[in-house]
C-alpha atoms as a PDB file:
ATOM      1  CA  MET A   1      10.954  -9.614 -44.331  1.00  0.00           C
ATOM      2  CA  GLU A   2      10.759 -11.776 -41.640  1.00  0.00           C
ATOM      3  CA  PHE A   3       9.143  -9.111 -39.207  1.00  0.00           C
ATOM      4  CA  LEU A   4       6.328  -8.819 -41.398  1.00  0.00           C
ATOM      5  CA  LEU A   5       6.180 -13.044 -42.008  1.00  0.00           C
ATOM      6  CA  GLU A   6       5.910 -12.956 -38.234  1.00  0.00           C
ATOM      7  CA  ALA A   7       3.482  -9.969 -37.646  1.00  0.00           C
ATOM      8  CA  ASP A   8       1.243 -12.021 -40.033  1.00  0.00           C
ATOM      9  CA  GLN A   9       1.560 -15.237 -38.096  1.00  0.00           C
ATOM     10  CA  ILE A  10       0.308 -13.454 -35.182  1.00  0.00           C
ATOM     11  CA  MET A  11      -2.555 -12.131 -36.769  1.00  0.00           C
ATOM     12  CA  ASP A  12      -3.323 -15.270 -37.948  1.00  0.00           C
ATOM     13  CA  GLN A  13      -2.966 -16.834 -34.246  1.00  0.00           C
ATOM     14  CA  ALA A  14      -5.234 -14.068 -32.702  1.00  0.00           C
ATOM     15  CA  GLU A  15      -7.912 -14.186 -35.376  1.00  0.00           C
ATOM     16  CA  ARG A  16      -8.044 -18.142 -35.065  1.00  0.00           C
ATOM     17  CA  LEU A  17      -7.851 -17.154 -31.228  1.00  0.00           C
ATOM     18  CA  GLN A  18     -10.858 -14.654 -31.678  1.00  0.00           C
ATOM     19  CA  THR A  19     -12.850 -17.807 -33.801  1.00  0.00           C
ATOM     20  CA  GLN A  20     -12.323 -20.344 -30.958  1.00  0.00           C
ATOM     21  CA  LEU A  21     -13.954 -17.612 -28.254  1.00  0.00           C
ATOM     22  CA  ALA A  22     -17.079 -17.029 -30.376  1.00  0.00           C
ATOM     23  CA  GLN A  23     -17.375 -20.657 -30.840  1.00  0.00           C
ATOM     24  CA  GLY A  24     -17.537 -20.956 -27.197  1.00  0.00           C
ATOM     25  CA  ASN A  25     -14.005 -22.196 -26.064  1.00  0.00           C
ATOM     26  CA  GLU A  26     -13.840 -21.727 -22.337  1.00  0.00           C
ATOM     27  CA  THR A  27     -10.250 -21.586 -22.213  1.00  0.00           C
ATOM     28  CA  VAL A  28      -9.655 -18.488 -24.662  1.00  0.00           C
ATOM     29  CA  THR A  29     -12.687 -16.706 -22.959  1.00  0.00           C
ATOM     30  CA  PHE A  30     -10.707 -16.849 -19.168  1.00  0.00           C
ATOM     31  CA  LEU A  31      -7.549 -15.622 -21.303  1.00  0.00           C
ATOM     32  CA  PHE A  32      -9.428 -12.753 -22.646  1.00  0.00           C
ATOM     33  CA  LEU A  33     -10.908 -11.934 -19.548  1.00  0.00           C
ATOM     34  CA  LEU A  34      -7.495 -12.520 -17.501  1.00  0.00           C
ATOM     35  CA  THR A  35      -6.379  -9.769 -20.459  1.00  0.00           C
ATOM     36  CA  GLY A  36      -9.470  -7.008 -18.901  1.00  0.00           C
ATOM     37  CA  VAL A  37      -8.538  -7.482 -15.959  1.00  0.00           C
ATOM     38  CA  ILE A  38      -4.593  -6.972 -16.446  1.00  0.00           C
ATOM     39  CA  GLY A  39      -5.561  -4.327 -18.815  1.00  0.00           C
ATOM     40  CA  PHE A  40      -7.804  -2.436 -16.453  1.00  0.00           C
ATOM     41  CA  LEU A  41      -5.082  -2.628 -13.523  1.00  0.00           C
ATOM     42  CA  TRP A  42      -2.465  -1.406 -15.734  1.00  0.00           C
ATOM     43  CA  CYS A  43      -5.010   1.636 -16.823  1.00  0.00           C
ATOM     44  CA  PHE A  44      -6.367   2.820 -13.521  1.00  0.00           C
ATOM     45  CA  LEU A  45      -3.272   1.456 -10.907  1.00  0.00           C
ATOM     46  CA  GLY A  46      -0.783   1.486 -13.652  1.00  0.00           C
ATOM     47  CA  LEU A  47       1.669   3.619 -10.740  1.00  0.00           C
ATOM     48  CA  LYS A  48       0.556   2.123  -7.426  1.00  0.00           C
ATOM     49  CA  LEU A  49       1.939  -1.461  -9.302  1.00  0.00           C
ATOM     50  CA  VAL A  50       4.856  -0.193 -10.614  1.00  0.00           C
ATOM     51  CA  ARG A  51       7.585  -2.327  -8.861  1.00  0.00           C
ATOM     52  CA  LEU A  52       4.914  -5.472 -10.021  1.00  0.00           C
ATOM     53  CA  TRP A  53       4.928  -4.601 -13.996  1.00  0.00           C
ATOM     54  CA  ALA A  54       8.756  -3.969 -13.977  1.00  0.00           C
ATOM     55  CA  ALA A  55       9.266  -7.265 -12.142  1.00  0.00           C
ATOM     56  CA  LEU A  56       7.336  -9.228 -14.792  1.00  0.00           C
ATOM     57  CA  LEU A  57       8.811  -7.214 -17.571  1.00  0.00           C
ATOM     58  CA  GLY A  58      12.379  -7.840 -16.038  1.00  0.00           C
ATOM     59  CA  PHE A  59      11.557 -11.082 -15.523  1.00  0.00           C
ATOM     60  CA  PHE A  60      10.289 -11.830 -18.967  1.00  0.00           C
ATOM     61  CA  MET A  61      13.339 -10.011 -20.430  1.00  0.00           C
ATOM     62  CA  GLY A  62      16.306 -11.413 -18.300  1.00  0.00           C
ATOM     63  CA  PHE A  63      14.237 -14.889 -19.359  1.00  0.00           C
ATOM     64  CA  VAL A  64      14.559 -14.511 -22.795  1.00  0.00           C
ATOM     65  CA  LEU A  65      18.484 -13.053 -22.893  1.00  0.00           C
ATOM     66  CA  GLY A  66      20.057 -15.328 -20.377  1.00  0.00           C
ATOM     67  CA  CYS A  67      17.623 -18.046 -22.968  1.00  0.00           C
ATOM     68  CA  GLY A  68      19.143 -16.459 -26.214  1.00  0.00           C
ATOM     69  CA  ALA A  69      22.667 -16.375 -24.895  1.00  0.00           C
ATOM     70  CA  ALA A  70      22.660 -19.879 -23.692  1.00  0.00           C
ATOM     71  CA  MET A  71      21.404 -21.130 -27.221  1.00  0.00           C
ATOM     72  CA  ALA A  72      23.989 -19.568 -28.643  1.00  0.00           C
ATOM     73  CA  LEU A  73      26.583 -21.276 -26.771  1.00  0.00           C
ATOM     74  CA  ASN A  74      24.451 -24.110 -28.129  1.00  0.00           C
ATOM     75  CA  LEU A  75      23.723 -25.352 -24.364  1.00  0.00           C
ATOM     76  CA  THR A  76      21.284 -27.748 -23.836  1.00  0.00           C
ATOM     77  CA  MET A  77      18.231 -26.801 -23.424  1.00  0.00           C
ATOM     78  CA  THR A  78      17.735 -27.547 -19.632  1.00  0.00           C
ATOM     79  CA  VAL A  79      20.559 -25.259 -19.317  1.00  0.00           C
ATOM     80  CA  SER A  80      19.036 -22.548 -21.341  1.00  0.00           C
ATOM     81  CA  LEU A  81      16.096 -22.800 -19.348  1.00  0.00           C
ATOM     82  CA  VAL A  82      17.769 -22.878 -16.065  1.00  0.00           C
ATOM     83  CA  ILE A  83      20.087 -19.723 -17.275  1.00  0.00           C
ATOM     84  CA  GLY A  84      16.961 -17.935 -18.426  1.00  0.00           C
ATOM     85  CA  GLY A  85      14.948 -18.384 -15.269  1.00  0.00           C
ATOM     86  CA  VAL A  86      18.640 -17.550 -13.153  1.00  0.00           C
ATOM     87  CA  VAL A  87      18.703 -13.951 -15.019  1.00  0.00           C
ATOM     88  CA  GLY A  88      15.273 -13.299 -15.447  1.00  0.00           C
ATOM     89  CA  ILE A  89      14.726 -13.431 -11.520  1.00  0.00           C
ATOM     90  CA  LEU A  90      17.738 -11.302 -11.014  1.00  0.00           C
ATOM     91  CA  LEU A  91      16.635  -8.742 -13.328  1.00  0.00           C
ATOM     92  CA  ALA A  92      13.247  -9.222 -11.930  1.00  0.00           C
ATOM     93  CA  VAL A  93      14.727  -8.009  -8.461  1.00  0.00           C
ATOM     94  CA  LEU A  94      17.108  -5.386  -9.438  1.00  0.00           C
ATOM     95  CA  SER A  95      13.825  -3.894 -11.285  1.00  0.00           C
ATOM     96  CA  ALA A  96      11.413  -3.805  -8.559  1.00  0.00           C
ATOM     97  CA  TRP A  97      14.362  -2.669  -6.124  1.00  0.00           C
ATOM     98  CA  LEU A  98      15.461   0.291  -8.382  1.00  0.00           C
ATOM     99  CA  TYR A  99      13.093   2.288  -8.660  1.00  0.00           C
ATOM    100  CA  HIS A 100      13.760   4.359 -11.700  1.00  0.00           C
ATOM    101  CA  VAL A 101      15.112   1.156 -13.369  1.00  0.00           C
ATOM    102  CA  GLY A 102      11.665   0.089 -13.384  1.00  0.00           C
ATOM    103  CA  VAL A 103       9.882   2.657 -14.478  1.00  0.00           C
ATOM    104  CA  PHE A 104      11.823   2.941 -17.451  1.00  0.00           C
ATOM    105  CA  LEU A 105      11.284  -0.243 -18.237  1.00  0.00           C
ATOM    106  CA  VAL A 106       7.631  -0.275 -17.779  1.00  0.00           C
ATOM    107  CA  VAL A 107       7.344   3.024 -19.186  1.00  0.00           C
ATOM    108  CA  TRP A 108       9.082   1.937 -22.422  1.00  0.00           C
ATOM    109  CA  ALA A 109       7.381  -1.000 -23.091  1.00  0.00           C
ATOM    110  CA  ALA A 110       4.017   0.794 -22.622  1.00  0.00           C
ATOM    111  CA  GLY A 111       5.695   3.327 -25.078  1.00  0.00           C
ATOM    112  CA  ILE A 112       6.595   0.736 -27.503  1.00  0.00           C
ATOM    113  CA  SER A 113       2.802  -0.906 -27.406  1.00  0.00           C
ATOM    114  CA  VAL A 114       1.105   2.539 -27.895  1.00  0.00           C
ATOM    115  CA  SER A 115       3.097   3.105 -31.144  1.00  0.00           C
ATOM    116  CA  LEU A 116       2.886  -0.093 -32.399  1.00  0.00           C
ATOM    117  CA  THR A 117      -1.055   0.167 -31.878  1.00  0.00           C
ATOM    118  CA  VAL A 118      -1.091   4.215 -33.121  1.00  0.00           C
ATOM    119  CA  VAL A 119       1.329   3.305 -36.288  1.00  0.00           C
ATOM    120  CA  ARG A 120       0.351   0.145 -37.153  1.00  0.00           C
ATOM    121  CA  PRO A 121       3.874  -0.475 -38.992  1.00  0.00           C
ATOM    122  CA  GLU A 122       3.964  -2.031 -42.092  1.00  0.00           C
ATOM    123  CA  ASN A 123       7.816  -2.399 -42.275  1.00  0.00           C
ATOM    124  CA  PHE A 124      10.621  -3.076 -39.887  1.00  0.00           C
ATOM    125  CA  LEU A 125      11.912   0.664 -40.419  1.00  0.00           C
ATOM    126  CA  TYR A 126       8.450   1.655 -38.630  1.00  0.00           C
ATOM    127  CA  ALA A 127       8.532  -0.829 -35.948  1.00  0.00           C
ATOM    128  CA  VAL A 128      12.315  -0.079 -35.014  1.00  0.00           C
ATOM    129  CA  LEU A 129      11.115   3.483 -34.802  1.00  0.00           C
ATOM    130  CA  CYS A 130       8.549   2.881 -32.641  1.00  0.00           C
ATOM    131  CA  GLY A 131      10.878   0.876 -30.511  1.00  0.00           C
ATOM    132  CA  VAL A 132      12.749   4.388 -30.684  1.00  0.00           C
ATOM    133  CA  VAL A 133       9.742   6.067 -29.290  1.00  0.00           C
ATOM    134  CA  GLY A 134       9.540   3.842 -26.342  1.00  0.00           C
ATOM    135  CA  LEU A 135      12.872   4.431 -25.671  1.00  0.00           C
ATOM    136  CA  VAL A 136      12.554   7.636 -25.948  1.00  0.00           C
ATOM    137  CA  ILE A 137       9.538   7.949 -23.588  1.00  0.00           C
ATOM    138  CA  GLY A 138      11.200   5.939 -21.038  1.00  0.00           C
ATOM    139  CA  VAL A 139      14.609   7.838 -20.615  1.00  0.00           C
ATOM    140  CA  ILE A 140      12.254  10.922 -20.024  1.00  0.00           C
ATOM    141  CA  ALA A 141      10.213   8.696 -17.434  1.00  0.00           C
ATOM    142  CA  VAL A 142      13.565   8.346 -15.918  1.00  0.00           C
ATOM    143  CA  ARG A 143      13.349  12.406 -14.815  1.00  0.00           C
ATOM    144  CA  PHE A 144       9.390  12.815 -14.485  1.00  0.00           C
ATOM    145  CA  ALA A 145       8.589   9.297 -13.448  1.00  0.00           C
ATOM    146  CA  GLU A 146       5.067  10.084 -11.661  1.00  0.00           C
ATOM    147  CA  PRO A 147       3.509  12.025 -14.085  1.00  0.00           C
ATOM    148  CA  VAL A 148       4.859  10.192 -17.507  1.00  0.00           C
ATOM    149  CA  THR A 149       4.380   6.631 -15.922  1.00  0.00           C
ATOM    150  CA  MET A 150       0.884   7.672 -15.042  1.00  0.00           C
ATOM    151  CA  VAL A 151       0.274   8.834 -18.749  1.00  0.00           C
ATOM    152  CA  MET A 152       1.539   6.137 -20.146  1.00  0.00           C
ATOM    153  CA  THR A 153       0.158   2.883 -18.396  1.00  0.00           C
ATOM    154  CA  GLY A 154      -3.144   4.698 -18.237  1.00  0.00           C
ATOM    155  CA  LEU A 155      -3.194   4.956 -22.371  1.00  0.00           C
ATOM    156  CA  TYR A 156      -1.501   1.259 -22.467  1.00  0.00           C
ATOM    157  CA  GLY A 157      -4.395  -0.064 -20.166  1.00  0.00           C
ATOM    158  CA  ALA A 158      -7.265   1.938 -22.273  1.00  0.00           C
ATOM    159  CA  ILE A 159      -6.130   0.370 -25.740  1.00  0.00           C
ATOM    160  CA  VAL A 160      -5.934  -3.643 -23.922  1.00  0.00           C
ATOM    161  CA  LEU A 161      -9.442  -2.434 -22.307  1.00  0.00           C
ATOM    162  CA  ALA A 162     -10.780  -1.196 -25.421  1.00  0.00           C
ATOM    163  CA  ASP A 163      -9.982  -4.296 -27.444  1.00  0.00           C
ATOM    164  CA  VAL A 164     -11.136  -6.852 -24.968  1.00  0.00           C
ATOM    165  CA  VAL A 165     -14.962  -4.657 -24.243  1.00  0.00           C
ATOM    166  CA  SER A 166     -14.958  -4.399 -28.178  1.00  0.00           C
ATOM    167  CA  PHE A 167     -14.392  -8.139 -28.769  1.00  0.00           C
ATOM    168  CA  PHE A 168     -16.961  -9.333 -25.860  1.00  0.00           C
ATOM    169  CA  ALA A 169     -19.600  -6.677 -26.989  1.00  0.00           C
ATOM    170  CA  SER A 170     -18.968  -7.626 -30.933  1.00  0.00           C
ATOM    171  CA  LEU A 171     -18.469  -3.723 -31.433  1.00  0.00           C
ATOM    172  CA  GLU A 172     -17.586  -3.866 -35.321  1.00  0.00           C
ATOM    173  CA  ALA A 173     -17.887  -0.015 -35.725  1.00  0.00           C
ATOM    174  CA  ALA A 174     -14.156   1.481 -36.757  1.00  0.00           C
ATOM    175  CA  TRP A 175     -14.810   4.114 -34.260  1.00  0.00           C
ATOM    176  CA  MET A 176     -15.552   2.402 -31.752  1.00  0.00           C
ATOM    177  CA  ALA A 177     -12.189   0.961 -30.483  1.00  0.00           C
ATOM    178  CA  PRO A 178     -10.877   4.475 -30.584  1.00  0.00           C
ATOM    179  CA  ALA A 179     -13.932   6.286 -28.602  1.00  0.00           C
ATOM    180  CA  LEU A 180     -13.401   3.718 -26.273  1.00  0.00           C
ATOM    181  CA  THR A 181      -9.605   4.062 -25.774  1.00  0.00           C
ATOM    182  CA  ALA A 182     -10.174   7.686 -25.354  1.00  0.00           C
ATOM    183  CA  VAL A 183     -12.473   7.526 -22.343  1.00  0.00           C
ATOM    184  CA  PHE A 184     -10.675   4.563 -20.555  1.00  0.00           C
ATOM    185  CA  ALA A 185      -7.645   7.066 -21.009  1.00  0.00           C
ATOM    186  CA  VAL A 186      -8.959   9.883 -19.061  1.00  0.00           C
ATOM    187  CA  LEU A 187     -10.573   7.989 -16.703  1.00  0.00           C
ATOM    188  CA  GLY A 188      -7.567   5.570 -16.092  1.00  0.00           C
ATOM    189  CA  ILE A 189      -4.788   8.616 -15.962  1.00  0.00           C
ATOM    190  CA  VAL A 190      -7.799  11.221 -13.689  1.00  0.00           C
ATOM    191  CA  ALA A 191      -8.015   8.373 -11.278  1.00  0.00           C
ATOM    192  CA  GLN A 192      -4.416   7.578 -10.778  1.00  0.00           C
ATOM    193  CA  PHE A 193      -3.324  11.359 -10.634  1.00  0.00           C
ATOM    194  CA  LEU A 194      -6.131  11.333  -8.153  1.00  0.00           C
ATOM    195  CA  LEU A 195      -4.810   8.232  -6.537  1.00  0.00           C
ATOM    196  CA  GLU A 196      -1.055   9.806  -6.395  1.00  0.00           C
ATOM    197  CA  SER A 197      -2.905  13.111  -5.306  1.00  0.00           C
ATOM    198  CA  ARG A 198      -4.148  11.700  -1.830  1.00  0.00           C
ATOM    199  CA  LYS A 199      -1.117   9.407  -1.127  1.00  0.00           C
ATOM    200  CA  ARG A 200       1.148  12.997  -1.463  1.00  0.00           C
ATOM    201  CA  LYS A 201      -1.276  14.991   0.872  1.00  0.00           C
ATOM    202  CA  ARG A 202      -0.933  11.808   3.592  1.00  0.00           C
ATOM    203  CA  ILE A 203       2.557  12.290   2.973  1.00  0.00           C
ATOM    204  CA  HIS A 204       2.855  15.707   3.672  1.00  0.00           C
ATOM    205  CA  LEU A 205       0.477  15.259   6.662  1.00  0.00           C
ATOM    206  CA  LYS A 206       2.445  12.576   8.344  1.00  0.00           C
ATOM    207  CA  LYS A 207       5.511  14.955   7.932  1.00  0.00           C
ATOM    208  CA  ALA A 208       3.703  18.188   8.849  1.00  0.00           C
ATOM    209  CA  GLU A 209       2.456  15.914  12.322  1.00  0.00           C
ATOM    210  CA  GLU A 210       6.746  14.766  12.617  1.00  0.00           C
ATOM    211  CA  ILE A 211       7.617  18.396  12.927  1.00  0.00           C
ATOM    212  CA  ARG A 212       4.611  19.075  15.013  1.00  0.00           C
ATOM    213  CA  GLN A 213       5.675  16.423  17.724  1.00  0.00           C
ATOM    214  CA  LYS A 214       9.478  17.413  17.379  1.00  0.00           C
ATOM    215  CA  TYR A 215       8.827  21.202  17.870  1.00  0.00           C
ATOM    216  CA  SER A 216       6.238  20.281  20.633  1.00  0.00           C
ATOM    217  CA  THR A 217       9.018  17.967  22.340  1.00  0.00           C
ATOM    218  CA  GLU A 218      11.506  20.441  21.958  1.00  0.00           C
ATOM    219  CA  ASN A 219       9.336  23.137  23.503  1.00  0.00           C
ATOM    220  CA  GLU A 220       8.961  20.550  26.527  1.00  0.00           C
ATOM    221  CA  VAL A 221      12.334  20.055  27.042  1.00  0.00           C
ATOM    222  CA  GLU A 222      12.805  23.803  26.840  1.00  0.00           C
ATOM    223  CA  LYS A 223      10.370  24.189  29.631  1.00  0.00           C
ATOM    224  CA  ALA A 224      11.666  21.562  31.721  1.00  0.00           C
ATOM    225  CA  ARG A 225      15.150  23.430  31.656  1.00  0.00           C
ATOM    226  CA  ALA A 226      13.909  26.913  32.415  1.00  0.00           C
ATOM    227  CA  MET A 227      11.926  24.861  35.390  1.00  0.00           C
ATOM    228  CA  MET A 228      15.012  23.432  36.735  1.00  0.00           C
ATOM    229  CA  GLU A 229      16.836  26.637  36.697  1.00  0.00           C
ATOM    230  CA  ALA A 230      14.307  28.499  38.324  1.00  0.00           C
ATOM    231  CA  LEU A 231      14.622  26.019  41.344  1.00  0.00           C
ATOM    232  CA  GLU A 232      18.317  26.012  41.413  1.00  0.00           C
ATOM    233  CA  GLN A 233      17.980  29.736  41.249  1.00  0.00           C
ATOM    234  CA  GLU A 234      15.492  29.775  44.202  1.00  0.00           C
ATOM    235  CA  SER A 235      17.913  27.302  46.225  1.00  0.00           C
ATOM    236  CA  LYS A 236      20.705  29.431  45.506  1.00  0.00           C
ATOM    237  CA  GLU A 237      19.156  32.409  47.041  1.00  0.00           C
ATOM    238  CA  GLU A 238      17.398  30.530  49.830  1.00  0.00           C
ATOM    239  CA  ILE A 239      21.304  28.889  50.981  1.00  0.00           C
ATOM    240  CA  GLU A 240      22.462  32.827  50.653  1.00  0.00           C
ATOM    241  CA  GLU A 241      20.041  33.897  53.032  1.00  0.00           C
END
């Protein structure tokens, strides 16, 4: 019941924000534009910026956990905020440094968000199931990091973009948001796969060049060694004569 009440409060706040935006509130307009930019980056550059997303999510989770633990110990608000900040920074650094940890966090968060959007849970049990779905996808991403990350960040970014575009364009038809989501998701995922393909191509070309230079150097050394041996042989023959 508490979850449902909190969900209703969030929906009421979202509706109030939309009303303020319709009335020309510049701050709210800026926030929606910022949300659109973030959605675009998630959709089209999700994998490329995965360490950034991981650091931000790590800081948020660490801050919440640190503050929550400190408050549970009845510490002061100032101390709780300091502890939350320290834990958040540590988890942010850890998430950005350890690639697969960061991928897990990013995909888990994206999986939960996508699941909540698709299922739209009406009770706590379905919300927990959405969290489990996100967790499973996050675990899979540890094994197949790049493809799963590109698909999930593309989907999440597409959902955010579709909501922002629908709101600014005042698209009220029920089918518009899903249609925009599908279009943005396809474009974003394809764009990410193309970027990753070009990245891998550059890496392979670089390795091929390094191998070529290595063998070229070895051949030159071998030629020089053969020339020295030939000169030494000629010197010996001249001495013997």
